[in-house]
Amino acid sequence: MMLHCVRGADFDTAYPAALTVASSFNKQLMYDRADVIVYEFKSKGVDFFSRPVSDPIDYKALVFRGWEGFGADPYLQGEAMKYTVQGIQKK
C-alpha cells in the first residue's frame, strides 16, 4: 500500500504506508517520511494535513484498513506517532 501525498496534483509522490514504515523500526525514517510529506503539501499550496492514524484499528487480522495505522503494538505505535508528529511539526 502507498500513500499518495496530494491526490490529483501533478507529480505527486507515493509514500509507503504507515504500517510499512513502522515495520522497519527505523525512527529516522518515520520522522523523514512525515517531514517530506509536509514539504510536498506546502510546496503545492496545501495548508491542511489531516493526521496520522493512531487508533489500534488493526487489532484484528481481518480489519481491511489496518495498513493506515502503525500496527497493533502500543509501544511501536506510540514511538511511530512521536516521530511522525515531530516530523510534521518541524515545518
PDB file of N, CA and C in Angstrom:
ATOM      1  N   MET A   1       0.830  -1.182   0.000  1.00  0.00           N
ATOM      2  CA  MET A   1       0.000   0.000   0.000  1.00  0.00           C
ATOM      3  C   MET A   1       0.873   1.243   0.000  1.00  0.00           C
ATOM      4  N   MET A   2       0.408   2.247  -0.667  1.00  0.00           N
ATOM      5  CA  MET A   2       1.143   3.501  -0.744  1.00  0.00           C
ATOM      6  C   MET A   2       0.211   4.654  -0.392  1.00  0.00           C
ATOM      7  N   LEU A   3       0.803   5.710   0.122  1.00  0.00           N
ATOM      8  CA  LEU A   3       0.071   6.927   0.447  1.00  0.00           C
ATOM      9  C   LEU A   3       0.414   7.960  -0.611  1.00  0.00           C
ATOM     10  N   HIS A   4      -0.580   8.411  -1.366  1.00  0.00           N
ATOM     11  CA  HIS A   4      -0.342   9.474  -2.337  1.00  0.00           C
ATOM     12  C   HIS A   4      -0.455  10.799  -1.611  1.00  0.00           C
ATOM     13  N   CYS A   5       0.552  11.616  -1.779  1.00  0.00           N
ATOM     14  CA  CYS A   5       0.648  12.846  -0.990  1.00  0.00           C
ATOM     15  C   CYS A   5      -0.500  13.802  -1.301  1.00  0.00           C
ATOM     16  N   VAL A   6      -0.495  14.403  -2.457  1.00  0.00           N
ATOM     17  CA  VAL A   6      -1.551  15.347  -2.829  1.00  0.00           C
ATOM     18  C   VAL A   6      -2.286  14.723  -4.009  1.00  0.00           C
ATOM     19  N   ARG A   7      -3.329  14.003  -3.706  1.00  0.00           N
ATOM     20  CA  ARG A   7      -4.033  13.249  -4.737  1.00  0.00           C
ATOM     21  C   ARG A   7      -4.616  14.177  -5.793  1.00  0.00           C
ATOM     22  N   GLY A   8      -4.394  13.821  -7.035  1.00  0.00           N
ATOM     23  CA  GLY A   8      -4.923  14.598  -8.138  1.00  0.00           C
ATOM     24  C   GLY A   8      -4.003  15.705  -8.605  1.00  0.00           C
ATOM     25  N   ALA A   9      -2.948  15.981  -7.874  1.00  0.00           N
ATOM     26  CA  ALA A   9      -1.999  17.019  -8.274  1.00  0.00           C
ATOM     27  C   ALA A   9      -0.989  16.426  -9.248  1.00  0.00           C
ATOM     28  N   ASP A  10      -0.410  17.282 -10.051  1.00  0.00           N
ATOM     29  CA  ASP A  10       0.637  16.823 -10.956  1.00  0.00           C
ATOM     30  C   ASP A  10       1.876  16.443 -10.161  1.00  0.00           C
ATOM     31  N   PHE A  11       2.498  15.366 -10.560  1.00  0.00           N
ATOM     32  CA  PHE A  11       3.768  14.921  -9.982  1.00  0.00           C
ATOM     33  C   PHE A  11       3.685  14.683  -8.478  1.00  0.00           C
ATOM     34  N   ASP A  12       2.597  14.093  -8.021  1.00  0.00           N
ATOM     35  CA  ASP A  12       2.527  13.767  -6.592  1.00  0.00           C
ATOM     36  C   ASP A  12       3.362  12.514  -6.321  1.00  0.00           C
ATOM     37  N   THR A  13       3.772  12.368  -5.091  1.00  0.00           N
ATOM     38  CA  THR A  13       4.648  11.280  -4.696  1.00  0.00           C
ATOM     39  C   THR A  13       3.850  10.225  -3.946  1.00  0.00           C
ATOM     40  N   ALA A  14       4.166   8.969  -4.175  1.00  0.00           N
ATOM     41  CA  ALA A  14       3.547   7.874  -3.433  1.00  0.00           C
ATOM     42  C   ALA A  14       4.515   7.438  -2.339  1.00  0.00           C
ATOM     43  N   TYR A  15       4.085   7.557  -1.088  1.00  0.00           N
ATOM     44  CA  TYR A  15       4.919   7.213   0.062  1.00  0.00           C
ATOM     45  C   TYR A  15       4.481   5.876   0.638  1.00  0.00           C
ATOM     46  N   PRO A  16       5.385   5.166   1.302  1.00  0.00           N
ATOM     47  CA  PRO A  16       4.998   3.905   1.941  1.00  0.00           C
ATOM     48  C   PRO A  16       3.937   4.140   3.015  1.00  0.00           C
ATOM     49  N   ALA A  17       3.067   3.174   3.173  1.00  0.00           N
ATOM     50  CA  ALA A  17       2.024   3.262   4.201  1.00  0.00           C
ATOM     51  C   ALA A  17       2.651   3.248   5.589  1.00  0.00           C
ATOM     52  N   ALA A  18       1.894   3.718   6.574  1.00  0.00           N
ATOM     53  CA  ALA A  18       2.392   3.808   7.949  1.00  0.00           C
ATOM     54  C   ALA A  18       2.831   2.447   8.478  1.00  0.00           C
ATOM     55  N   LEU A  19       2.082   1.409   8.187  1.00  0.00           N
ATOM     56  CA  LEU A  19       2.433   0.074   8.669  1.00  0.00           C
ATOM     57  C   LEU A  19       3.770  -0.379   8.088  1.00  0.00           C
ATOM     58  N   THR A  20       4.019  -0.046   6.845  1.00  0.00           N
ATOM     59  CA  THR A  20       5.287  -0.402   6.211  1.00  0.00           C
ATOM     60  C   THR A  20       6.448   0.303   6.887  1.00  0.00           C
ATOM     61  N   VAL A  21       6.293   1.577   7.164  1.00  0.00           N
ATOM     62  CA  VAL A  21       7.351   2.349   7.824  1.00  0.00           C
ATOM     63  C   VAL A  21       7.573   1.835   9.245  1.00  0.00           C
ATOM     64  N   ALA A  22       6.499   1.558   9.967  1.00  0.00           N
ATOM     65  CA  ALA A  22       6.630   1.052  11.338  1.00  0.00           C
ATOM     66  C   ALA A  22       7.319  -0.306  11.358  1.00  0.00           C
ATOM     67  N   SER A  23       7.098  -1.100  10.331  1.00  0.00           N
ATOM     68  CA  SER A  23       7.720  -2.424  10.267  1.00  0.00           C
ATOM     69  C   SER A  23       9.232  -2.352  10.136  1.00  0.00           C
ATOM     70  N   SER A  24       9.739  -1.209   9.730  1.00  0.00           N
ATOM     71  CA  SER A  24      11.196  -1.046   9.611  1.00  0.00           C
ATOM     72  C   SER A  24      11.847  -0.772  10.965  1.00  0.00           C
ATOM     73  N   PHE A  25      11.077  -0.326  11.950  1.00  0.00           N
ATOM     74  CA  PHE A  25      11.573   0.066  13.277  1.00  0.00           C
ATOM     75  C   PHE A  25      12.633   1.162  13.177  1.00  0.00           C
ATOM     76  N   ASN A  26      12.605   1.926  12.103  1.00  0.00           N
ATOM     77  CA  ASN A  26      13.597   2.976  11.867  1.00  0.00           C
ATOM     78  C   ASN A  26      12.978   4.324  12.242  1.00  0.00           C
ATOM     79  N   LYS A  27      13.389   4.870  13.368  1.00  0.00           N
ATOM     80  CA  LYS A  27      12.811   6.122  13.866  1.00  0.00           C
ATOM     81  C   LYS A  27      13.100   7.289  12.934  1.00  0.00           C
ATOM     82  N   GLN A  28      14.288   7.316  12.357  1.00  0.00           N
ATOM     83  CA  GLN A  28      14.643   8.397  11.439  1.00  0.00           C
ATOM     84  C   GLN A  28      13.771   8.349  10.185  1.00  0.00           C
ATOM     85  N   LEU A  29      13.461   7.159   9.712  1.00  0.00           N
ATOM     86  CA  LEU A  29      12.590   7.005   8.551  1.00  0.00           C
ATOM     87  C   LEU A  29      11.182   7.513   8.854  1.00  0.00           C
ATOM     88  N   MET A  30      10.681   7.228  10.055  1.00  0.00           N
ATOM     89  CA  MET A  30       9.356   7.710  10.458  1.00  0.00           C
ATOM     90  C   MET A  30       9.320   9.236  10.454  1.00  0.00           C
ATOM     91  N   TYR A  31      10.365   9.832  10.991  1.00  0.00           N
ATOM     92  CA  TYR A  31      10.479  11.293  11.047  1.00  0.00           C
ATOM     93  C   TYR A  31      10.605  11.878   9.636  1.00  0.00           C
ATOM     94  N   ASP A  32      11.516  11.325   8.845  1.00  0.00           N
ATOM     95  CA  ASP A  32      11.767  11.852   7.499  1.00  0.00           C
ATOM     96  C   ASP A  32      10.550  11.726   6.597  1.00  0.00           C
ATOM     97  N   ARG A  33       9.816  10.628   6.710  1.00  0.00           N
ATOM     98  CA  ARG A  33       8.616  10.439   5.881  1.00  0.00           C
ATOM     99  C   ARG A  33       7.610  11.559   6.132  1.00  0.00           C
ATOM    100  N   ALA A  34       7.356  11.864   7.398  1.00  0.00           N
ATOM    101  CA  ALA A  34       6.411  12.935   7.735  1.00  0.00           C
ATOM    102  C   ALA A  34       6.932  14.291   7.283  1.00  0.00           C
ATOM    103  N   ASP A  35       8.215  14.526   7.465  1.00  0.00           N
ATOM    104  CA  ASP A  35       8.830  15.791   7.074  1.00  0.00           C
ATOM    105  C   ASP A  35       8.693  16.027   5.569  1.00  0.00           C
ATOM    106  N   VAL A  36       8.937  14.997   4.785  1.00  0.00           N
ATOM    107  CA  VAL A  36       8.866  15.125   3.324  1.00  0.00           C
ATOM    108  C   VAL A  36       7.419  15.272   2.853  1.00  0.00           C
ATOM    109  N   ILE A  37       6.492  14.572   3.496  1.00  0.00           N
ATOM    110  CA  ILE A  37       5.081  14.706   3.121  1.00  0.00           C
ATOM    111  C   ILE A  37       4.613  16.144   3.342  1.00  0.00           C
ATOM    112  N   VAL A  38       4.944  16.716   4.490  1.00  0.00           N
ATOM    113  CA  VAL A  38       4.549  18.098   4.780  1.00  0.00           C
ATOM    114  C   VAL A  38       5.220  19.057   3.803  1.00  0.00           C
ATOM    115  N   TYR A  39       6.471  18.807   3.462  1.00  0.00           N
ATOM    116  CA  TYR A  39       7.175  19.654   2.489  1.00  0.00           C
ATOM    117  C   TYR A  39       6.440  19.641   1.148  1.00  0.00           C
ATOM    118  N   GLU A  40       6.031  18.456   0.711  1.00  0.00           N
ATOM    119  CA  GLU A  40       5.324  18.371  -0.566  1.00  0.00           C
ATOM    120  C   GLU A  40       3.966  19.064  -0.491  1.00  0.00           C
ATOM    121  N   PHE A  41       3.260  18.908   0.618  1.00  0.00           N
ATOM    122  CA  PHE A  41       1.986  19.604   0.780  1.00  0.00           C
ATOM    123  C   PHE A  41       2.189  21.108   0.641  1.00  0.00           C
ATOM    124  N   LYS A  42       3.135  21.643   1.383  1.00  0.00           N
ATOM    125  CA  LYS A  42       3.361  23.095   1.373  1.00  0.00           C
ATOM    126  C   LYS A  42       3.825  23.580   0.005  1.00  0.00           C
ATOM    127  N   SER A  43       4.654  22.799  -0.678  1.00  0.00           N
ATOM    128  CA  SER A  43       5.143  23.225  -1.989  1.00  0.00           C
ATOM    129  C   SER A  43       4.032  23.254  -3.033  1.00  0.00           C
ATOM    130  N   LYS A  44       2.951  22.517  -2.803  1.00  0.00           N
ATOM    131  CA  LYS A  44       1.810  22.516  -3.723  1.00  0.00           C
ATOM    132  C   LYS A  44       0.690  23.442  -3.253  1.00  0.00           C
ATOM    133  N   GLY A  45       0.938  24.193  -2.176  1.00  0.00           N
ATOM    134  CA  GLY A  45      -0.042  25.159  -1.702  1.00  0.00           C
ATOM    135  C   GLY A  45      -1.114  24.589  -0.795  1.00  0.00           C
ATOM    136  N   VAL A  46      -0.939  23.376  -0.333  1.00  0.00           N
ATOM    137  CA  VAL A  46      -1.908  22.757   0.569  1.00  0.00           C
ATOM    138  C   VAL A  46      -1.517  23.106   1.997  1.00  0.00           C
ATOM    139  N   ASP A  47      -2.451  23.641   2.760  1.00  0.00           N
ATOM    140  CA  ASP A  47      -2.120  24.039   4.130  1.00  0.00           C
ATOM    141  C   ASP A  47      -2.832  23.185   5.179  1.00  0.00           C
ATOM    142  N   PHE A  48      -3.311  22.020   4.776  1.00  0.00           N
ATOM    143  CA  PHE A  48      -4.018  21.143   5.707  1.00  0.00           C
ATOM    144  C   PHE A  48      -3.481  19.724   5.573  1.00  0.00           C
ATOM    145  N   PHE A  49      -3.043  19.168   6.672  1.00  0.00           N
ATOM    146  CA  PHE A  49      -2.591  17.775   6.719  1.00  0.00           C
ATOM    147  C   PHE A  49      -3.477  17.080   7.735  1.00  0.00           C
ATOM    148  N   SER A  50      -4.254  16.112   7.305  1.00  0.00           N
ATOM    149  CA  SER A  50      -5.268  15.518   8.172  1.00  0.00           C
ATOM    150  C   SER A  50      -4.689  15.051   9.500  1.00  0.00           C
ATOM    151  N   ARG A  51      -3.985  13.962   9.523  1.00  0.00           N
ATOM    152  CA  ARG A  51      -3.326  13.465  10.730  1.00  0.00           C
ATOM    153  C   ARG A  51      -2.850  12.049  10.460  1.00  0.00           C
ATOM    154  N   PRO A  52      -1.861  11.613  11.182  1.00  0.00           N
ATOM    155  CA  PRO A  52      -1.534  10.188  11.104  1.00  0.00           C
ATOM    156  C   PRO A  52      -2.557   9.388  11.909  1.00  0.00           C
ATOM    157  N   VAL A  53      -2.774   8.165  11.540  1.00  0.00           N
ATOM    158  CA  VAL A  53      -3.741   7.315  12.232  1.00  0.00           C
ATOM    159  C   VAL A  53      -3.085   6.725  13.469  1.00  0.00           C
ATOM    160  N   SER A  54      -3.708   6.932  14.622  1.00  0.00           N
ATOM    161  CA  SER A  54      -3.131   6.425  15.865  1.00  0.00           C
ATOM    162  C   SER A  54      -4.012   5.397  16.556  1.00  0.00           C
ATOM    163  N   ASP A  55      -5.167   5.123  16.002  1.00  0.00           N
ATOM    164  CA  ASP A  55      -6.066   4.155  16.619  1.00  0.00           C
ATOM    165  C   ASP A  55      -5.552   2.735  16.389  1.00  0.00           C
ATOM    166  N   PRO A  56      -5.771   1.857  17.331  1.00  0.00           N
ATOM    167  CA  PRO A  56      -5.374   0.457  17.112  1.00  0.00           C
ATOM    168  C   PRO A  56      -6.391  -0.243  16.219  1.00  0.00           C
ATOM    169  N   ILE A  57      -6.498   0.227  14.971  1.00  0.00           N
ATOM    170  CA  ILE A  57      -7.541  -0.284  14.081  1.00  0.00           C
ATOM    171  C   ILE A  57      -7.227  -1.665  13.544  1.00  0.00           C
ATOM    172  N   ASP A  58      -6.026  -2.140  13.753  1.00  0.00           N
ATOM    173  CA  ASP A  58      -5.710  -3.458  13.205  1.00  0.00           C
ATOM    174  C   ASP A  58      -5.536  -4.491  14.312  1.00  0.00           C
ATOM    175  N   TYR A  59      -6.326  -4.356  15.362  1.00  0.00           N
ATOM    176  CA  TYR A  59      -6.242  -5.317  16.455  1.00  0.00           C
ATOM    177  C   TYR A  59      -6.802  -6.675  16.056  1.00  0.00           C
ATOM    178  N   LYS A  60      -7.508  -6.732  14.959  1.00  0.00           N
ATOM    179  CA  LYS A  60      -7.990  -7.994  14.408  1.00  0.00           C
ATOM    180  C   LYS A  60      -7.323  -8.202  13.056  1.00  0.00           C
ATOM    181  N   ALA A  61      -7.000  -9.418  12.762  1.00  0.00           N
ATOM    182  CA  ALA A  61      -6.315  -9.712  11.498  1.00  0.00           C
ATOM    183  C   ALA A  61      -7.192  -9.440  10.282  1.00  0.00           C
ATOM    184  N   LEU A  62      -8.496  -9.414  10.455  1.00  0.00           N
ATOM    185  CA  LEU A  62      -9.397  -9.265   9.317  1.00  0.00           C
ATOM    186  C   LEU A  62      -9.796  -7.822   9.030  1.00  0.00           C
ATOM    187  N   VAL A  63      -9.267  -6.870   9.773  1.00  0.00           N
ATOM    188  CA  VAL A  63      -9.617  -5.467   9.530  1.00  0.00           C
ATOM    189  C   VAL A  63      -9.017  -5.052   8.190  1.00  0.00           C
ATOM    190  N   PHE A  64      -9.844  -4.510   7.337  1.00  0.00           N
ATOM    191  CA  PHE A  64      -9.426  -4.209   5.968  1.00  0.00           C
ATOM    192  C   PHE A  64      -8.400  -3.085   5.879  1.00  0.00           C
ATOM    193  N   ARG A  65      -8.549  -2.021   6.656  1.00  0.00           N
ATOM    194  CA  ARG A  65      -7.700  -0.846   6.500  1.00  0.00           C
ATOM    195  C   ARG A  65      -6.594  -0.771   7.555  1.00  0.00           C
ATOM    196  N   GLY A  66      -6.115  -1.895   8.009  1.00  0.00           N
ATOM    197  CA  GLY A  66      -5.099  -1.935   9.042  1.00  0.00           C
ATOM    198  C   GLY A  66      -3.774  -1.312   8.654  1.00  0.00           C
ATOM    199  N   TRP A  67      -3.493  -1.176   7.382  1.00  0.00           N
ATOM    200  CA  TRP A  67      -2.235  -0.594   6.914  1.00  0.00           C
ATOM    201  C   TRP A  67      -2.147   0.900   7.185  1.00  0.00           C
ATOM    202  N   GLU A  68      -3.263   1.555   7.500  1.00  0.00           N
ATOM    203  CA  GLU A  68      -3.237   3.001   7.735  1.00  0.00           C
ATOM    204  C   GLU A  68      -2.564   3.369   9.050  1.00  0.00           C
ATOM    205  N   GLY A  69      -2.623   2.485  10.018  1.00  0.00           N
ATOM    206  CA  GLY A  69      -2.000   2.741  11.313  1.00  0.00           C
ATOM    207  C   GLY A  69      -0.592   2.170  11.356  1.00  0.00           C
ATOM    208  N   PHE A  70       0.047   2.327  12.505  1.00  0.00           N
ATOM    209  CA  PHE A  70       1.419   1.864  12.667  1.00  0.00           C
ATOM    210  C   PHE A  70       1.500   0.454  13.232  1.00  0.00           C
ATOM    211  N   GLY A  71       0.396  -0.225  13.371  1.00  0.00           N
ATOM    212  CA  GLY A  71       0.413  -1.593  13.860  1.00  0.00           C
ATOM    213  C   GLY A  71      -0.332  -1.741  15.175  1.00  0.00           C
ATOM    214  N   ALA A  72      -0.392  -2.972  15.650  1.00  0.00           N
ATOM    215  CA  ALA A  72      -1.164  -3.273  16.849  1.00  0.00           C
ATOM    216  C   ALA A  72      -0.361  -3.107  18.136  1.00  0.00           C
ATOM    217  N   ASP A  73       0.949  -3.061  18.050  1.00  0.00           N
ATOM    218  CA  ASP A  73       1.774  -2.938  19.248  1.00  0.00           C
ATOM    219  C   ASP A  73       1.702  -1.512  19.793  1.00  0.00           C
ATOM    220  N   PRO A  74       1.255  -1.324  21.031  1.00  0.00           N
ATOM    221  CA  PRO A  74       1.077   0.034  21.559  1.00  0.00           C
ATOM    222  C   PRO A  74       2.382   0.816  21.694  1.00  0.00           C
ATOM    223  N   TYR A  75       3.460   0.142  22.051  1.00  0.00           N
ATOM    224  CA  TYR A  75       4.742   0.851  22.185  1.00  0.00           C
ATOM    225  C   TYR A  75       5.242   1.323  20.821  1.00  0.00           C
ATOM    226  N   LEU A  76       5.206   0.431  19.836  1.00  0.00           N
ATOM    227  CA  LEU A  76       5.646   0.796  18.488  1.00  0.00           C
ATOM    228  C   LEU A  76       4.778   1.918  17.935  1.00  0.00           C
ATOM    229  N   GLN A  77       3.470   1.830  18.161  1.00  0.00           N
ATOM    230  CA  GLN A  77       2.571   2.861  17.668  1.00  0.00           C
ATOM    231  C   GLN A  77       2.862   4.215  18.317  1.00  0.00           C
ATOM    232  N   GLY A  78       3.145   4.202  19.604  1.00  0.00           N
ATOM    233  CA  GLY A  78       3.481   5.445  20.302  1.00  0.00           C
ATOM    234  C   GLY A  78       4.772   6.065  19.800  1.00  0.00           C
ATOM    235  N   GLU A  79       5.790   5.238  19.604  1.00  0.00           N
ATOM    236  CA  GLU A  79       7.070   5.744  19.092  1.00  0.00           C
ATOM    237  C   GLU A  79       6.915   6.273  17.666  1.00  0.00           C
ATOM    238  N   ALA A  80       6.187   5.528  16.838  1.00  0.00           N
ATOM    239  CA  ALA A  80       5.976   5.958  15.457  1.00  0.00           C
ATOM    240  C   ALA A  80       5.196   7.269  15.412  1.00  0.00           C
ATOM    241  N   MET A  81       4.186   7.403  16.269  1.00  0.00           N
ATOM    242  CA  MET A  81       3.423   8.652  16.319  1.00  0.00           C
ATOM    243  C   MET A  81       4.309   9.806  16.776  1.00  0.00           C
ATOM    244  N   LYS A  82       5.157   9.562  17.757  1.00  0.00           N
ATOM    245  CA  LYS A  82       6.036  10.612  18.269  1.00  0.00           C
ATOM    246  C   LYS A  82       6.924  11.166  17.157  1.00  0.00           C
ATOM    247  N   TYR A  83       7.583  10.294  16.427  1.00  0.00           N
ATOM    248  CA  TYR A  83       8.490  10.758  15.380  1.00  0.00           C
ATOM    249  C   TYR A  83       7.741  11.327  14.178  1.00  0.00           C
ATOM    250  N   THR A  84       6.564  10.795  13.898  1.00  0.00           N
ATOM    251  CA  THR A  84       5.766  11.333  12.802  1.00  0.00           C
ATOM    252  C   THR A  84       5.274  12.738  13.126  1.00  0.00           C
ATOM    253  N   VAL A  85       4.767  12.944  14.323  1.00  0.00           N
ATOM    254  CA  VAL A  85       4.279  14.269  14.715  1.00  0.00           C
ATOM    255  C   VAL A  85       5.433  15.269  14.772  1.00  0.00           C
ATOM    256  N   GLN A  86       6.585  14.856  15.255  1.00  0.00           N
ATOM    257  CA  GLN A  86       7.748  15.746  15.257  1.00  0.00           C
ATOM    258  C   GLN A  86       8.127  16.142  13.836  1.00  0.00           C
ATOM    259  N   GLY A  87       8.064  15.191  12.900  1.00  0.00           N
ATOM    260  CA  GLY A  87       8.357  15.498  11.503  1.00  0.00           C
ATOM    261  C   GLY A  87       7.342  16.445  10.892  1.00  0.00           C
ATOM    262  N   ILE A  88       6.082  16.291  11.266  1.00  0.00           N
ATOM    263  CA  ILE A  88       5.026  17.178  10.770  1.00  0.00           C
ATOM    264  C   ILE A  88       5.205  18.583  11.329  1.00  0.00           C
ATOM    265  N   GLN A  89       5.494  18.682  12.609  1.00  0.00           N
ATOM    266  CA  GLN A  89       5.577  19.987  13.260  1.00  0.00           C
ATOM    267  C   GLN A  89       6.879  20.726  12.970  1.00  0.00           C
ATOM    268  N   LYS A  90       7.853  20.055  12.400  1.00  0.00           N
ATOM    269  CA  LYS A  90       9.124  20.709  12.082  1.00  0.00           C
ATOM    270  C   LYS A  90       8.910  21.891  11.149  1.00  0.00           C
ATOM    271  N   LYS A  91       8.032  21.725  10.193  1.00  0.00           N
ATOM    272  CA  LYS A  91       7.794  22.774   9.197  1.00  0.00           C
ATOM    273  C   LYS A  91       6.772  23.736   9.738  1.00  0.00           C
TER     274      LYS A  91
END
